[in-house]
C-alpha atoms as a PDB file:
ATOM      1  CA  MET A   1      -1.493   2.368   4.437  1.00  0.00           C
ATOM      2  CA  ALA A   2      -2.361  -1.149   5.229  1.00  0.00           C
ATOM      3  CA  GLY A   3      -3.713  -2.102   8.520  1.00  0.00           C
ATOM      4  CA  HIS A   4      -5.357  -5.549   8.640  1.00  0.00           C
ATOM      5  CA  SER A   5      -7.791  -7.193   6.259  1.00  0.00           C
ATOM      6  CA  LYS A   6     -10.805  -5.578   7.842  1.00  0.00           C
ATOM      7  CA  TRP A   7     -11.931  -2.693   5.501  1.00  0.00           C
ATOM      8  CA  ALA A   8     -13.083  -0.826   8.493  1.00  0.00           C
ATOM      9  CA  ASN A   9      -9.680   0.166   9.729  1.00  0.00           C
ATOM     10  CA  ILE A  10      -8.724   1.284   6.090  1.00  0.00           C
ATOM     11  CA  LYS A  11     -11.972   2.988   5.163  1.00  0.00           C
ATOM     12  CA  HIS A  12     -11.877   5.377   8.091  1.00  0.00           C
ATOM     13  CA  ARG A  13      -8.710   6.943   6.781  1.00  0.00           C
ATOM     14  CA  LYS A  14      -9.634   6.773   3.059  1.00  0.00           C
ATOM     15  CA  GLY A  15     -11.137  10.332   3.180  1.00  0.00           C
ATOM     16  CA  ALA A  16      -7.944  11.840   4.721  1.00  0.00           C
ATOM     17  CA  GLN A  17      -5.810  10.141   2.056  1.00  0.00           C
ATOM     18  CA  ASP A  18      -8.016  11.276  -0.763  1.00  0.00           C
ATOM     19  CA  ALA A  19      -7.457  14.704   0.396  1.00  0.00           C
ATOM     20  CA  LYS A  20      -3.847  14.175  -0.260  1.00  0.00           C
ATOM     21  CA  ARG A  21      -4.145  13.405  -3.887  1.00  0.00           C
ATOM     22  CA  GLY A  22      -1.367  15.653  -4.808  1.00  0.00           C
ATOM     23  CA  LYS A  23       0.958  13.686  -2.626  1.00  0.00           C
ATOM     24  CA  ILE A  24      -0.482  10.346  -4.082  1.00  0.00           C
ATOM     25  CA  PHE A  25       0.370  11.416  -7.481  1.00  0.00           C
ATOM     26  CA  THR A  26       3.950  12.264  -6.280  1.00  0.00           C
ATOM     27  CA  LYS A  27       4.290   8.727  -4.978  1.00  0.00           C
ATOM     28  CA  LEU A  28       2.735   7.121  -8.001  1.00  0.00           C
ATOM     29  CA  ILE A  29       5.089   8.995 -10.389  1.00  0.00           C
ATOM     30  CA  LYS A  30       8.233   7.880  -8.279  1.00  0.00           C
ATOM     31  CA  GLU A  31       7.099   4.216  -8.686  1.00  0.00           C
ATOM     32  CA  ILE A  32       6.475   4.579 -12.370  1.00  0.00           C
ATOM     33  CA  THR A  33       9.866   6.313 -12.918  1.00  0.00           C
ATOM     34  CA  ILE A  34      11.944   3.786 -10.978  1.00  0.00           C
ATOM     35  CA  ALA A  35       9.996   0.771 -12.576  1.00  0.00           C
ATOM     36  CA  ALA A  36      10.761   2.147 -15.929  1.00  0.00           C
ATOM     37  CA  LYS A  37      14.288   2.656 -14.912  1.00  0.00           C
ATOM     38  CA  ILE A  38      14.812  -0.811 -13.772  1.00  0.00           C
ATOM     39  CA  GLY A  39      12.840  -2.857 -16.379  1.00  0.00           C
ATOM     40  CA  GLY A  40      12.550  -0.478 -19.314  1.00  0.00           C
ATOM     41  CA  GLY A  41       9.439   1.238 -20.832  1.00  0.00           C
ATOM     42  CA  ASP A  42       7.958  -1.597 -22.483  1.00  0.00           C
ATOM     43  CA  LEU A  43       4.762  -2.633 -20.726  1.00  0.00           C
ATOM     44  CA  GLU A  44       4.637  -6.093 -22.156  1.00  0.00           C
ATOM     45  CA  ALA A  45       8.131  -6.955 -20.675  1.00  0.00           C
ATOM     46  CA  ASN A  46       7.796  -4.987 -17.410  1.00  0.00           C
ATOM     47  CA  ALA A  47       5.355  -6.261 -14.864  1.00  0.00           C
ATOM     48  CA  ARG A  48       6.290  -3.886 -12.176  1.00  0.00           C
ATOM     49  CA  LEU A  49       5.665  -0.874 -14.462  1.00  0.00           C
ATOM     50  CA  ARG A  50       2.207  -2.480 -15.653  1.00  0.00           C
ATOM     51  CA  LEU A  51       1.087  -2.518 -11.863  1.00  0.00           C
ATOM     52  CA  ALA A  52       2.386   0.983 -11.241  1.00  0.00           C
ATOM     53  CA  ILE A  53       0.412   2.386 -14.139  1.00  0.00           C
ATOM     54  CA  ASP A  54      -2.713   0.396 -13.186  1.00  0.00           C
ATOM     55  CA  LYS A  55      -2.613   1.991  -9.742  1.00  0.00           C
ATOM     56  CA  ALA A  56      -2.056   5.351 -11.262  1.00  0.00           C
ATOM     57  CA  LYS A  57      -5.086   4.952 -13.353  1.00  0.00           C
ATOM     58  CA  GLN A  58      -7.007   3.767 -10.331  1.00  0.00           C
ATOM     59  CA  SER A  59      -6.239   7.289  -8.862  1.00  0.00           C
ATOM     60  CA  ASN A  60      -7.300   9.011 -12.072  1.00  0.00           C
ATOM     61  CA  MET A  61      -3.725  10.215 -12.888  1.00  0.00           C
ATOM     62  CA  PRO A  62      -3.622  12.106 -16.277  1.00  0.00           C
ATOM     63  CA  LYS A  63      -1.962  10.014 -19.104  1.00  0.00           C
ATOM     64  CA  ASP A  64       0.632  12.886 -19.852  1.00  0.00           C
ATOM     65  CA  ASN A  65       1.799  12.549 -16.176  1.00  0.00           C
ATOM     66  CA  ILE A  66       2.235   8.861 -16.719  1.00  0.00           C
ATOM     67  CA  ASP A  67       4.070   9.098 -20.035  1.00  0.00           C
ATOM     68  CA  ARG A  68       6.302  11.678 -18.536  1.00  0.00           C
ATOM     69  CA  ALA A  69       7.272   9.464 -15.545  1.00  0.00           C
ATOM     70  CA  ILE A  70       8.029   6.585 -17.848  1.00  0.00           C
ATOM     71  CA  LYS A  71      10.191   8.846 -20.122  1.00  0.00           C
ATOM     72  CA  LYS A  72      12.079  10.112 -17.024  1.00  0.00           C
ATOM     73  CA  GLY A  73      12.740   6.563 -15.993  1.00  0.00           C
ATOM     74  CA  THR A  74      13.907   5.359 -19.433  1.00  0.00           C
ATOM     75  CA  GLY A  75      16.275   8.490 -19.671  1.00  0.00           C
ATOM     76  CA  ASP A  76      14.350  10.064 -22.539  1.00  0.00           C
ATOM     77  CA  LEU A  77      13.661  13.010 -20.219  1.00  0.00           C
ATOM     78  CA  ASP A  78      15.873  14.426 -17.443  1.00  0.00           C
ATOM     79  CA  GLY A  79      14.786  13.152 -14.191  1.00  0.00           C
ATOM     80  CA  VAL A  80      15.889  12.511 -10.478  1.00  0.00           C
ATOM     81  CA  THR A  81      17.695   9.436  -9.328  1.00  0.00           C
ATOM     82  CA  TYR A  82      15.751   7.676  -6.616  1.00  0.00           C
ATOM     83  CA  GLU A  83      16.940   5.021  -4.233  1.00  0.00           C
ATOM     84  CA  GLU A  84      14.352   2.661  -2.732  1.00  0.00           C
ATOM     85  CA  GLY A  85      14.332   0.435   0.295  1.00  0.00           C
ATOM     86  CA  ILE A  86      12.476  -0.314   3.578  1.00  0.00           C
ATOM     87  CA  PHE A  87      12.583   0.641   7.277  1.00  0.00           C
ATOM     88  CA  GLU A  88      11.216  -1.543   9.955  1.00  0.00           C
ATOM     89  CA  GLY A  89      10.265  -0.761  13.509  1.00  0.00           C
ATOM     90  CA  TYR A  90       7.702  -0.782  16.165  1.00  0.00           C
ATOM     91  CA  GLY A  91       4.827   1.846  16.870  1.00  0.00           C
ATOM     92  CA  PRO A  92       3.147   2.679  20.039  1.00  0.00           C
ATOM     93  CA  GLY A  93       1.600  -0.584  21.724  1.00  0.00           C
ATOM     94  CA  GLY A  94       4.362  -2.662  20.117  1.00  0.00           C
ATOM     95  CA  VAL A  95       2.605  -2.590  16.615  1.00  0.00           C
ATOM     96  CA  ALA A  96       5.096  -3.867  13.845  1.00  0.00           C
ATOM     97  CA  VAL A  97       5.669  -1.189  11.079  1.00  0.00           C
ATOM     98  CA  ILE A  98       7.270  -1.508   7.632  1.00  0.00           C
ATOM     99  CA  VAL A  99       7.922   1.847   5.802  1.00  0.00           C
ATOM    100  CA  GLU A 100       8.699   1.504   2.068  1.00  0.00           C
ATOM    101  CA  PHE A 101      10.691   4.495   0.813  1.00  0.00           C
ATOM    102  CA  MET A 102      11.855   6.098  -2.297  1.00  0.00           C
ATOM    103  CA  THR A 103      14.152   9.067  -2.122  1.00  0.00           C
ATOM    104  CA  ASP A 104      16.757  11.161  -3.689  1.00  0.00           C
ATOM    105  CA  ASN A 105      18.317  11.922  -0.306  1.00  0.00           C
ATOM    106  CA  ARG A 106      18.654   9.002   2.086  1.00  0.00           C
ATOM    107  CA  THR A 107      20.182  10.948   4.899  1.00  0.00           C
ATOM    108  CA  ARG A 108      17.081  13.288   5.112  1.00  0.00           C
ATOM    109  CA  THR A 109      14.562  10.263   4.833  1.00  0.00           C
ATOM    110  CA  VAL A 110      16.220   8.386   7.510  1.00  0.00           C
ATOM    111  CA  ALA A 111      16.281  11.536   9.749  1.00  0.00           C
ATOM    112  CA  GLU A 112      12.605  12.338   9.140  1.00  0.00           C
ATOM    113  CA  VAL A 113      11.413   8.743   9.422  1.00  0.00           C
ATOM    114  CA  ARG A 114      13.334   8.176  12.737  1.00  0.00           C
ATOM    115  CA  HIS A 115      11.903  11.425  14.067  1.00  0.00           C
ATOM    116  CA  ALA A 116       8.400  10.367  13.363  1.00  0.00           C
ATOM    117  CA  PHE A 117       8.845   7.136  15.218  1.00  0.00           C
ATOM    118  CA  SER A 118      10.563   8.758  18.194  1.00  0.00           C
ATOM    119  CA  LYS A 119       8.035  11.475  18.582  1.00  0.00           C
ATOM    120  CA  TYR A 120       5.008   9.176  18.925  1.00  0.00           C
ATOM    121  CA  GLY A 121       6.522   6.512  21.134  1.00  0.00           C
ATOM    122  CA  GLY A 122       7.939   4.215  18.359  1.00  0.00           C
ATOM    123  CA  SER A 123      11.445   2.955  17.506  1.00  0.00           C
ATOM    124  CA  LEU A 124      13.170   2.101  14.341  1.00  0.00           C
ATOM    125  CA  GLY A 125      14.565  -1.386  14.372  1.00  0.00           C
ATOM    126  CA  VAL A 126      17.359  -3.225  12.207  1.00  0.00           C
ATOM    127  CA  SER A 127      16.544  -4.734   8.944  1.00  0.00           C
ATOM    128  CA  GLY A 128      14.558  -8.109   9.462  1.00  0.00           C
ATOM    129  CA  SER A 129      13.262  -6.958  12.862  1.00  0.00           C
ATOM    130  CA  VAL A 130       9.531  -6.941  11.802  1.00  0.00           C
ATOM    131  CA  ALA A 131       9.409  -8.059   8.162  1.00  0.00           C
ATOM    132  CA  PHE A 132       9.053 -11.800   9.115  1.00  0.00           C
ATOM    133  CA  MET A 133       5.569 -10.918  10.659  1.00  0.00           C
ATOM    134  CA  PHE A 134       4.141  -9.925   7.159  1.00  0.00           C
ATOM    135  CA  ASP A 135       3.653 -11.806   3.823  1.00  0.00           C
ATOM    136  CA  ARG A 136       3.900 -10.158   0.510  1.00  0.00           C
ATOM    137  CA  LYS A 137       0.631 -11.006  -1.292  1.00  0.00           C
ATOM    138  CA  GLY A 138      -1.700  -9.727  -4.103  1.00  0.00           C
ATOM    139  CA  GLN A 139      -4.844  -8.369  -2.719  1.00  0.00           C
ATOM    140  CA  LEU A 140      -8.190  -7.380  -4.317  1.00  0.00           C
ATOM    141  CA  ILE A 141     -10.898  -5.685  -2.312  1.00  0.00           C
ATOM    142  CA  PHE A 142     -14.557  -5.892  -3.367  1.00  0.00           C
ATOM    143  CA  THR A 143     -17.439  -4.171  -1.694  1.00  0.00           C
ATOM    144  CA  ASP A 144     -20.400  -6.359  -0.563  1.00  0.00           C
ATOM    145  CA  ASP A 145     -22.636  -5.276  -3.427  1.00  0.00           C
ATOM    146  CA  ASN A 146     -20.842  -7.936  -5.403  1.00  0.00           C
ATOM    147  CA  ASP A 147     -21.925 -11.615  -5.152  1.00  0.00           C
ATOM    148  CA  PHE A 148     -19.476 -13.544  -2.894  1.00  0.00           C
ATOM    149  CA  ASP A 149     -20.022 -17.013  -4.485  1.00  0.00           C
ATOM    150  CA  THR A 150     -19.350 -15.399  -8.132  1.00  0.00           C
ATOM    151  CA  ILE A 151     -16.229 -13.672  -7.035  1.00  0.00           C
ATOM    152  CA  PHE A 152     -15.092 -16.865  -4.970  1.00  0.00           C
ATOM    153  CA  GLU A 153     -15.451 -19.376  -7.925  1.00  0.00           C
ATOM    154  CA  ALA A 154     -13.898 -16.791 -10.593  1.00  0.00           C
ATOM    155  CA  ALA A 155     -11.011 -16.000  -8.174  1.00  0.00           C
ATOM    156  CA  LEU A 156      -9.923 -19.624  -7.374  1.00  0.00           C
ATOM    157  CA  GLU A 157     -10.267 -20.633 -10.837  1.00  0.00           C
ATOM    158  CA  ALA A 158      -8.033 -17.748 -11.829  1.00  0.00           C
ATOM    159  CA  GLY A 159      -5.443 -19.083  -9.345  1.00  0.00           C
ATOM    160  CA  ALA A 160      -6.108 -16.958  -6.235  1.00  0.00           C
ATOM    161  CA  GLU A 161      -4.948 -18.379  -2.974  1.00  0.00           C
ATOM    162  CA  ASP A 162      -7.900 -17.418  -0.678  1.00  0.00           C
ATOM    163  CA  VAL A 163     -11.152 -15.561  -0.796  1.00  0.00           C
ATOM    164  CA  LYS A 164     -12.910 -14.277   2.401  1.00  0.00           C
ATOM    165  CA  GLU A 165     -15.725 -11.890   3.437  1.00  0.00           C
ATOM    166  CA  GLU A 166     -15.584  -9.867   6.486  1.00  0.00           C
ATOM    167  CA  ASP A 167     -17.266  -6.363   7.479  1.00  0.00           C
ATOM    168  CA  GLY A 168     -19.181  -6.210   4.342  1.00  0.00           C
ATOM    169  CA  VAL A 169     -15.843  -6.711   2.306  1.00  0.00           C
ATOM    170  CA  ILE A 170     -14.850  -9.459   0.020  1.00  0.00           C
ATOM    171  CA  GLU A 171     -11.008  -9.890  -0.068  1.00  0.00           C
ATOM    172  CA  VAL A 172      -9.081 -11.987  -2.625  1.00  0.00           C
ATOM    173  CA  ILE A 173      -5.671 -12.905  -1.864  1.00  0.00           C
ATOM    174  CA  THR A 174      -3.064 -14.133  -4.500  1.00  0.00           C
ATOM    175  CA  ASP A 175       0.584 -14.948  -4.763  1.00  0.00           C
ATOM    176  CA  PRO A 176       2.301 -11.906  -6.046  1.00  0.00           C
ATOM    177  CA  ALA A 177       3.373 -13.801  -9.197  1.00  0.00           C
ATOM    178  CA  GLU A 178      -0.371 -14.709  -9.907  1.00  0.00           C
ATOM    179  CA  PHE A 179      -1.853 -11.197  -9.073  1.00  0.00           C
ATOM    180  CA  GLU A 180      -1.971  -9.853 -12.526  1.00  0.00           C
ATOM    181  CA  THR A 181      -3.518 -12.991 -13.899  1.00  0.00           C
ATOM    182  CA  VAL A 182      -6.121 -13.034 -11.224  1.00  0.00           C
ATOM    183  CA  LYS A 183      -6.912  -9.459 -11.464  1.00  0.00           C
ATOM    184  CA  ASN A 184      -7.192  -9.455 -15.216  1.00  0.00           C
ATOM    185  CA  SER A 185      -9.387 -12.486 -15.214  1.00  0.00           C
ATOM    186  CA  LEU A 186     -11.793 -10.837 -12.811  1.00  0.00           C
ATOM    187  CA  GLU A 187     -11.905  -7.650 -14.962  1.00  0.00           C
ATOM    188  CA  GLN A 188     -12.584  -9.736 -17.983  1.00  0.00           C
ATOM    189  CA  GLN A 189     -15.634 -11.092 -16.195  1.00  0.00           C
ATOM    190  CA  GLY A 190     -16.836  -7.724 -15.315  1.00  0.00           C
ATOM    191  CA  LEU A 191     -16.100  -7.860 -11.642  1.00  0.00           C
ATOM    192  CA  LYS A 192     -15.257  -4.416 -10.382  1.00  0.00           C
ATOM    193  CA  TYR A 193     -12.906  -4.113  -7.307  1.00  0.00           C
ATOM    194  CA  GLN A 194     -12.508  -1.305  -4.888  1.00  0.00           C
ATOM    195  CA  SER A 195      -8.667  -1.540  -4.688  1.00  0.00           C
ATOM    196  CA  ALA A 196      -6.061  -4.041  -6.202  1.00  0.00           C
ATOM    197  CA  GLU A 197      -2.418  -4.061  -5.241  1.00  0.00           C
ATOM    198  CA  VAL A 198       0.455  -6.239  -4.274  1.00  0.00           C
ATOM    199  CA  THR A 199       1.006  -5.339  -0.485  1.00  0.00           C
ATOM    200  CA  MET A 200       2.362  -6.555   2.886  1.00  0.00           C
ATOM    201  CA  ILE A 201      -0.324  -8.554   4.854  1.00  0.00           C
ATOM    202  CA  PRO A 202       0.271  -9.089   8.499  1.00  0.00           C
ATOM    203  CA  GLN A 203       0.183 -12.801   9.747  1.00  0.00           C
ATOM    204  CA  ASN A 204      -1.118 -11.684  13.190  1.00  0.00           C
ATOM    205  CA  MET A 205      -2.911  -8.601  14.262  1.00  0.00           C
ATOM    206  CA  ASN A 206      -2.012  -6.452  17.391  1.00  0.00           C
ATOM    207  CA  PRO A 207      -4.850  -4.853  19.269  1.00  0.00           C
ATOM    208  CA  VAL A 208      -4.202  -1.319  20.386  1.00  0.00           C
ATOM    209  CA  GLU A 209      -6.459   1.270  22.133  1.00  0.00           C
ATOM    210  CA  GLY A 210      -6.738   4.634  23.934  1.00  0.00           C
ATOM    211  CA  LYS A 211      -3.640   6.834  23.821  1.00  0.00           C
ATOM    212  CA  GLN A 212      -1.627   4.229  22.217  1.00  0.00           C
ATOM    213  CA  ALA A 213      -3.865   3.886  19.436  1.00  0.00           C
ATOM    214  CA  GLU A 214      -4.287   7.629  19.008  1.00  0.00           C
ATOM    215  CA  SER A 215      -0.357   8.027  18.976  1.00  0.00           C
ATOM    216  CA  LEU A 216      -0.026   5.351  16.450  1.00  0.00           C
ATOM    217  CA  MET A 217      -2.533   6.897  14.032  1.00  0.00           C
ATOM    218  CA  LYS A 218      -0.512  10.294  14.468  1.00  0.00           C
ATOM    219  CA  MET A 219       2.565   8.500  13.815  1.00  0.00           C
ATOM    220  CA  LEU A 220       1.221   6.658  10.686  1.00  0.00           C
ATOM    221  CA  ASP A 221      -0.386  10.014   9.238  1.00  0.00           C
ATOM    222  CA  VAL A 222       3.111  11.783   9.583  1.00  0.00           C
ATOM    223  CA  LEU A 223       4.871   8.824   7.944  1.00  0.00           C
ATOM    224  CA  GLU A 224       2.387   8.667   5.036  1.00  0.00           C
ATOM    225  CA  ASP A 225       2.475  12.398   4.628  1.00  0.00           C
ATOM    226  CA  ASN A 226       6.226  12.215   3.822  1.00  0.00           C
ATOM    227  CA  ASP A 227       6.963  12.587   0.163  1.00  0.00           C
ATOM    228  CA  ASP A 228       9.822  10.100   0.160  1.00  0.00           C
ATOM    229  CA  VAL A 229       7.368   7.381   1.796  1.00  0.00           C
ATOM    230  CA  GLN A 230       5.740   5.087  -0.674  1.00  0.00           C
ATOM    231  CA  ASN A 231       3.857   2.705   1.595  1.00  0.00           C
ATOM    232  CA  VAL A 232       3.284   2.003   5.183  1.00  0.00           C
ATOM    233  CA  HIS A 233       2.120  -1.407   6.477  1.00  0.00           C
ATOM    234  CA  ALA A 234       1.324  -2.121  10.122  1.00  0.00           C
ATOM    235  CA  ASN A 235      -0.258  -4.894  12.156  1.00  0.00           C
ATOM    236  CA  PHE A 236      -2.562  -2.814  14.244  1.00  0.00           C
ATOM    237  CA  ASP A 237      -6.107  -3.900  15.181  1.00  0.00           C
ATOM    238  CA  ILE A 238      -8.324  -0.899  16.496  1.00  0.00           C
ATOM    239  CA  SER A 239     -12.103  -1.344  17.147  1.00  0.00           C
ATOM    240  CA  ASP A 240     -14.478   0.712  15.003  1.00  0.00           C
ATOM    241  CA  GLU A 241     -15.693   2.724  17.936  1.00  0.00           C
ATOM    242  CA  GLU A 242     -11.961   3.608  18.844  1.00  0.00           C
ATOM    243  CA  MET A 243     -11.164   4.465  15.241  1.00  0.00           C
ATOM    244  CA  GLU A 244     -14.258   6.811  14.944  1.00  0.00           C
ATOM    245  CA  LYS A 245     -13.079   8.503  18.171  1.00  0.00           C
ATOM    246  CA  ILE A 246      -9.614   9.062  16.795  1.00  0.00           C
ATOM    247  CA  MET A 247     -10.766  10.140  13.336  1.00  0.00           C
ATOM    248  CA  GLY A 248     -13.171  12.624  14.841  1.00  0.00           C
END
């Protein structure tokens, strides 16, 4: 789940997400399957599949699982047919939320996502209602045991748009089309990232606190826990103290 660029709001939730590794594998398998279905099983010719497999490897998914997912996508093995798309809406405190889904039953997914929004004081919006508040970008996160100047120079030379340091984290931003090039270049120079993905980055942050922050986190947890939901993006800004209180 992407909140804002500050690693603080993400790292507090990382432990909870790691506990859901089985669900993470389910989501990654879906992404690999649909990427292979749309673009074929040839890694050289299918950038989306390459990124999906990279993400699976980051999560330590066994090679057999990856290979099976590709074969299901290409039709070499029987598999489920998935439909993908996005929902847009507002969470508690007017936080803009984008939900990326992949499902074999759209009716079920719409009902479950709508229920999650309404239960915690949010509301689903129409297509385009919040997407304009986000930019699709490549994002690489490095911890502060890396040297900022080294990453800064290497990333910009490789074609990155921006490099910034905040809250003990170095963030490299790229155009989605340049993401793989930048990532590969940094890897070749031995620079190890914490995470690397193409994601939706909010243009502006929406501060929330108290009961609204608590309800928002519960809503995002329910959405992320849904097997049909691939990614959740939101433009919330919650203080470290508030987040610690919520996460217990």
